[in-house]
Amino acid sequence: MKQRAIIMVPTLIEFENPGSIKQVKNHALTLCSKHQSIIVDKVEYAPKLLLISPLGDIPDQPLVFDPPPMAA
């Protein structure tokens, strides 16, 4: 029996946004939406934002961490 696997490789994007935490998340979601999605049997699998992590002297606490439910 034939099977189908969808594999989406994470992409690392560095960006600058001096705004508030909400603006940073919105900016990252906009960048995420510009990447390829896959349509299988009329169902669209869009890229998902996994993590926003500050760079530099700020502590390495993620601002957003939202892995998909089956990302084990």
N, C-alpha and C. Protein backbone atom coordinates (compact mmCIF):
# COMPACT_ATOMS: atom_id res chain seq x y z
N MET A 1 0.84 -1.17 0.00
CA MET A 1 0.00 0.00 0.00
C MET A 1 0.89 1.25 0.00
N LYS A 2 0.56 2.20 -0.85
CA LYS A 2 1.34 3.44 -0.92
C LYS A 2 0.99 4.35 0.23
N GLN A 3 1.99 5.03 0.73
CA GLN A 3 1.83 5.99 1.82
C GLN A 3 2.40 7.33 1.39
N ARG A 4 2.00 8.37 2.07
CA ARG A 4 2.49 9.71 1.77
C ARG A 4 3.00 10.34 3.06
N ALA A 5 4.19 10.92 3.02
CA ALA A 5 4.75 11.61 4.20
C ALA A 5 5.01 13.06 3.83
N ILE A 6 4.64 13.95 4.71
CA ILE A 6 4.92 15.38 4.52
C ILE A 6 6.00 15.76 5.53
N ILE A 7 7.11 16.22 5.02
CA ILE A 7 8.23 16.61 5.88
C ILE A 7 8.51 18.08 5.64
N MET A 8 8.37 18.88 6.69
CA MET A 8 8.67 20.30 6.59
C MET A 8 9.91 20.58 7.42
N VAL A 9 10.93 21.09 6.78
CA VAL A 9 12.19 21.37 7.45
C VAL A 9 12.14 22.78 8.04
N PRO A 10 12.48 22.94 9.32
CA PRO A 10 12.47 24.28 9.92
C PRO A 10 13.46 25.21 9.22
N THR A 11 13.08 26.47 9.10
CA THR A 11 13.92 27.49 8.49
C THR A 11 14.21 28.54 9.55
N LEU A 12 15.47 28.91 9.68
CA LEU A 12 15.88 29.92 10.66
C LEU A 12 15.92 31.27 9.97
N ILE A 13 15.17 32.23 10.51
CA ILE A 13 15.14 33.59 9.96
C ILE A 13 15.51 34.54 11.08
N GLU A 14 16.46 35.42 10.83
CA GLU A 14 16.81 36.46 11.79
C GLU A 14 16.20 37.77 11.30
N PHE A 15 15.54 38.50 12.20
CA PHE A 15 14.92 39.76 11.83
C PHE A 15 15.01 40.72 13.00
N GLU A 16 14.85 42.00 12.70
CA GLU A 16 14.90 43.04 13.72
C GLU A 16 13.55 43.70 13.83
N ASN A 17 13.07 43.86 15.04
CA ASN A 17 11.81 44.54 15.28
C ASN A 17 11.88 45.18 16.66
N PRO A 18 11.99 46.51 16.72
CA PRO A 18 12.12 47.18 18.01
C PRO A 18 10.80 47.36 18.75
N GLY A 19 9.72 46.81 18.26
CA GLY A 19 8.40 47.00 18.86
C GLY A 19 8.18 46.12 20.08
N SER A 20 6.94 46.06 20.50
CA SER A 20 6.56 45.28 21.67
C SER A 20 6.58 43.78 21.33
N ILE A 21 6.39 42.95 22.35
CA ILE A 21 6.37 41.50 22.17
C ILE A 21 5.28 41.10 21.16
N LYS A 22 4.11 41.72 21.23
CA LYS A 22 3.03 41.39 20.31
C LYS A 22 3.42 41.72 18.87
N GLN A 23 4.09 42.85 18.66
CA GLN A 23 4.52 43.23 17.32
C GLN A 23 5.57 42.26 16.79
N VAL A 24 6.46 41.79 17.66
CA VAL A 24 7.48 40.84 17.24
C VAL A 24 6.83 39.54 16.78
N LYS A 25 5.84 39.06 17.53
CA LYS A 25 5.14 37.82 17.13
C LYS A 25 4.40 38.02 15.81
N ASN A 26 3.73 39.15 15.64
CA ASN A 26 3.03 39.42 14.38
C ASN A 26 4.00 39.49 13.21
N HIS A 27 5.16 40.11 13.42
CA HIS A 27 6.19 40.20 12.38
C HIS A 27 6.67 38.80 12.00
N ALA A 28 6.93 37.96 12.99
CA ALA A 28 7.39 36.60 12.73
C ALA A 28 6.33 35.77 12.01
N LEU A 29 5.06 35.93 12.40
CA LEU A 29 3.98 35.21 11.73
C LEU A 29 3.85 35.64 10.27
N THR A 30 4.07 36.92 10.00
CA THR A 30 4.04 37.42 8.62
C THR A 30 5.17 36.79 7.81
N LEU A 31 6.36 36.73 8.39
CA LEU A 31 7.49 36.09 7.70
C LEU A 31 7.21 34.61 7.46
N CYS A 32 6.58 33.96 8.41
CA CYS A 32 6.24 32.54 8.30
C CYS A 32 5.25 32.30 7.17
N SER A 33 4.30 33.19 7.02
CA SER A 33 3.25 33.00 6.01
C SER A 33 3.78 33.15 4.59
N LYS A 34 4.99 33.68 4.43
CA LYS A 34 5.56 33.85 3.09
C LYS A 34 6.26 32.58 2.59
N HIS A 35 6.29 31.54 3.42
CA HIS A 35 6.95 30.29 3.02
C HIS A 35 5.93 29.32 2.41
N GLN A 36 6.44 28.34 1.74
CA GLN A 36 5.62 27.40 0.97
C GLN A 36 4.68 26.58 1.86
N SER A 37 3.47 26.40 1.38
CA SER A 37 2.53 25.48 2.02
C SER A 37 2.31 24.31 1.05
N ILE A 38 1.76 23.24 1.57
CA ILE A 38 1.53 22.03 0.78
C ILE A 38 0.04 21.71 0.80
N ILE A 39 -0.51 21.38 -0.37
CA ILE A 39 -1.92 21.00 -0.45
C ILE A 39 -2.00 19.54 -0.85
N VAL A 40 -2.63 18.74 0.02
CA VAL A 40 -2.81 17.31 -0.22
C VAL A 40 -4.28 16.99 -0.04
N ASP A 41 -4.89 16.46 -1.06
CA ASP A 41 -6.31 16.07 -1.00
C ASP A 41 -7.20 17.19 -0.46
N LYS A 42 -7.03 18.38 -1.00
CA LYS A 42 -7.82 19.57 -0.65
C LYS A 42 -7.59 20.09 0.77
N VAL A 43 -6.56 19.60 1.44
CA VAL A 43 -6.20 20.09 2.77
C VAL A 43 -4.86 20.81 2.65
N GLU A 44 -4.82 22.06 3.15
CA GLU A 44 -3.59 22.83 3.06
C GLU A 44 -2.81 22.73 4.37
N TYR A 45 -1.54 22.39 4.25
CA TYR A 45 -0.63 22.33 5.40
C TYR A 45 0.29 23.53 5.29
N ALA A 46 0.03 24.55 6.10
CA ALA A 46 0.80 25.79 6.05
C ALA A 46 1.97 25.73 7.02
N PRO A 47 3.03 26.50 6.76
CA PRO A 47 4.13 26.54 7.71
C PRO A 47 3.67 27.11 9.05
N LYS A 48 4.29 26.67 10.12
CA LYS A 48 3.88 27.08 11.47
C LYS A 48 5.07 27.69 12.20
N LEU A 49 4.81 28.75 12.92
CA LEU A 49 5.83 29.40 13.73
C LEU A 49 6.11 28.54 14.95
N LEU A 50 7.36 28.11 15.12
CA LEU A 50 7.71 27.25 16.24
C LEU A 50 8.28 28.02 17.43
N LEU A 51 9.13 29.01 17.17
CA LEU A 51 9.85 29.65 18.27
C LEU A 51 10.34 31.03 17.85
N ILE A 52 10.27 31.97 18.75
CA ILE A 52 10.95 33.26 18.60
C ILE A 52 11.89 33.37 19.78
N SER A 53 13.16 33.50 19.50
CA SER A 53 14.17 33.55 20.56
C SER A 53 15.01 34.82 20.39
N PRO A 54 15.15 35.63 21.44
CA PRO A 54 15.94 36.86 21.32
C PRO A 54 17.43 36.54 21.13
N LEU A 55 18.11 37.42 20.39
CA LEU A 55 19.55 37.30 20.18
C LEU A 55 20.27 38.37 20.96
N GLY A 56 21.53 38.14 21.27
CA GLY A 56 22.34 39.16 21.93
C GLY A 56 22.40 38.97 23.43
N ASP A 57 22.42 40.10 24.15
CA ASP A 57 22.61 40.10 25.60
C ASP A 57 21.35 39.75 26.39
N ILE A 58 20.22 39.65 25.72
CA ILE A 58 18.96 39.32 26.40
C ILE A 58 19.01 37.85 26.80
N PRO A 59 18.49 37.47 27.94
CA PRO A 59 18.47 36.05 28.31
C PRO A 59 17.80 35.20 27.25
N ASP A 60 18.25 33.99 27.11
CA ASP A 60 17.75 33.10 26.06
C ASP A 60 16.41 32.48 26.43
N GLN A 61 15.44 33.29 26.77
CA GLN A 61 14.09 32.81 27.04
C GLN A 61 13.27 32.97 25.77
N PRO A 62 12.66 31.92 25.29
CA PRO A 62 11.84 32.06 24.08
C PRO A 62 10.64 32.97 24.32
N LEU A 63 10.34 33.79 23.32
CA LEU A 63 9.16 34.64 23.39
C LEU A 63 7.92 33.85 23.01
N VAL A 64 8.07 32.97 22.02
CA VAL A 64 6.97 32.13 21.56
C VAL A 64 7.53 30.73 21.39
N PHE A 65 6.85 29.76 21.93
CA PHE A 65 7.24 28.37 21.71
C PHE A 65 5.95 27.60 21.52
N ASP A 66 5.69 27.22 20.29
CA ASP A 66 4.43 26.60 19.97
C ASP A 66 4.64 25.45 18.98
N PRO A 67 5.20 24.33 19.44
CA PRO A 67 5.42 23.23 18.50
C PRO A 67 4.10 22.60 18.08
N PRO A 68 4.06 22.07 16.88
CA PRO A 68 2.84 21.38 16.46
C PRO A 68 2.58 20.17 17.36
N PRO A 69 1.34 19.68 17.45
CA PRO A 69 1.00 18.62 18.38
C PRO A 69 1.77 17.31 18.17
N MET A 70 2.20 17.04 16.96
CA MET A 70 2.87 15.77 16.70
C MET A 70 4.35 15.98 16.37
N ALA A 71 5.01 16.93 17.05
CA ALA A 71 6.40 17.27 16.75
C ALA A 71 7.40 16.45 17.57
N ALA A 72 7.00 15.32 18.05
CA ALA A 72 7.89 14.52 18.90
C ALA A 72 9.01 13.89 18.15
